[in-house]
Amino acid sequence: MTVTYVIEGSEVTGLERFWELIGEAVNGPGGYFGRGLDSFADCLSGGFGTPDDGAFVIEWRDHTASARALGHEETARRLEALLG
């Protein structure tokens, strides 16, 4: 059986909110799996909240809204914070 996890792209306001939303989609309210691309890759590989056998789908609704929120401006803000 395939499990579907839903991300509401219209709720993505920045990178931190994205991490919260994916954590909650996979692990339920207040769910957490990490705050970086390595953690996201682990999640997508299975076994970190997702089925070990990889029988899951992530449905990213309204992805154009989240693309705007995660675009150049957010990337620059995040990089400045890391350098700062």
Protein backbone atom coordinates (compact mmCIF):
# COMPACT_ATOMS: atom_id res chain seq x y z
CA MET A 1 0.00 0.00 0.00
CA THR A 2 1.33 3.43 -0.96
CA VAL A 3 1.19 6.20 1.64
CA THR A 4 0.56 9.78 0.46
CA TYR A 5 2.01 12.75 2.34
CA VAL A 6 0.58 16.17 1.48
CA ILE A 7 2.41 19.50 1.59
CA GLU A 8 0.21 22.56 1.20
CA GLY A 9 2.47 24.80 -0.85
CA SER A 10 0.36 27.86 -0.08
CA GLU A 11 1.47 27.51 3.57
CA VAL A 12 5.17 27.69 2.71
CA THR A 13 6.35 31.17 3.65
CA GLY A 14 10.05 30.40 3.80
CA LEU A 15 12.52 27.59 4.32
CA GLU A 16 11.86 27.15 8.04
CA ARG A 17 8.14 26.81 7.39
CA PHE A 18 8.85 24.27 4.64
CA TRP A 19 10.82 22.10 7.11
CA GLU A 20 7.92 22.33 9.57
CA LEU A 21 5.34 21.37 6.94
CA ILE A 22 7.26 18.39 5.58
CA GLY A 23 7.95 17.18 9.13
CA GLU A 24 4.26 17.40 9.99
CA ALA A 25 3.19 15.79 6.71
CA VAL A 26 5.42 12.80 7.38
CA ASN A 27 5.33 12.55 11.20
CA GLY A 28 2.02 14.20 12.16
CA PRO A 29 1.31 17.42 14.06
CA GLY A 30 4.47 18.84 15.59
CA GLY A 31 6.42 16.24 13.58
CA TYR A 32 10.10 16.77 12.98
CA PHE A 33 12.73 15.12 10.85
CA GLY A 34 15.40 17.78 10.50
CA ARG A 35 16.14 21.18 9.04
CA GLY A 36 18.30 20.59 6.01
CA LEU A 37 18.69 18.93 2.67
CA ASP A 38 20.50 15.92 4.18
CA SER A 39 17.52 15.29 6.46
CA PHE A 40 15.13 15.73 3.55
CA ALA A 41 17.16 13.25 1.47
CA ASP A 42 17.01 10.76 4.37
CA CYS A 43 13.24 11.24 4.53
CA LEU A 44 12.90 10.63 0.79
CA SER A 45 15.08 7.50 1.05
CA GLY A 46 12.60 5.87 3.44
CA GLY A 47 12.81 4.86 7.07
CA PHE A 48 12.84 8.32 8.66
CA GLY A 49 9.10 8.61 9.12
CA THR A 50 8.45 7.30 5.63
CA PRO A 51 8.03 3.58 4.83
CA ASP A 52 11.31 1.64 4.60
CA ASP A 53 10.18 0.08 1.32
CA GLY A 54 9.74 3.48 -0.33
CA ALA A 55 6.03 2.93 -0.92
CA PHE A 56 5.07 6.58 -0.54
CA VAL A 57 4.27 9.67 -2.57
CA ILE A 58 4.68 13.31 -1.59
CA GLU A 59 1.87 15.42 -3.03
CA TRP A 60 3.04 19.02 -3.14
CA ARG A 61 -0.07 21.11 -3.69
CA ASP A 62 0.17 24.68 -4.99
CA HIS A 63 3.88 24.24 -5.58
CA THR A 64 4.05 27.53 -7.51
CA ALA A 65 3.26 29.46 -4.31
CA SER A 66 6.02 27.69 -2.41
CA ALA A 67 8.42 28.18 -5.34
CA ARG A 68 7.93 31.93 -4.97
CA ALA A 69 8.44 31.72 -1.19
CA LEU A 70 11.59 29.63 -1.62
CA GLY A 71 13.05 31.61 -4.53
CA HIS A 72 16.04 33.92 -4.83
CA GLU A 73 15.11 36.27 -1.98
CA GLU A 74 14.71 33.42 0.55
CA THR A 75 17.90 31.76 -0.66
CA ALA A 76 19.84 35.02 -0.24
CA ARG A 77 18.34 35.55 3.24
CA ARG A 78 19.31 32.03 4.29
CA LEU A 79 22.86 32.36 2.97
CA GLU A 80 23.33 35.72 4.68
CA ALA A 81 22.17 34.19 7.96
CA LEU A 82 24.68 31.37 7.58
CA LEU A 83 27.51 33.81 6.88
CA GLY A 84 26.42 36.26 9.53
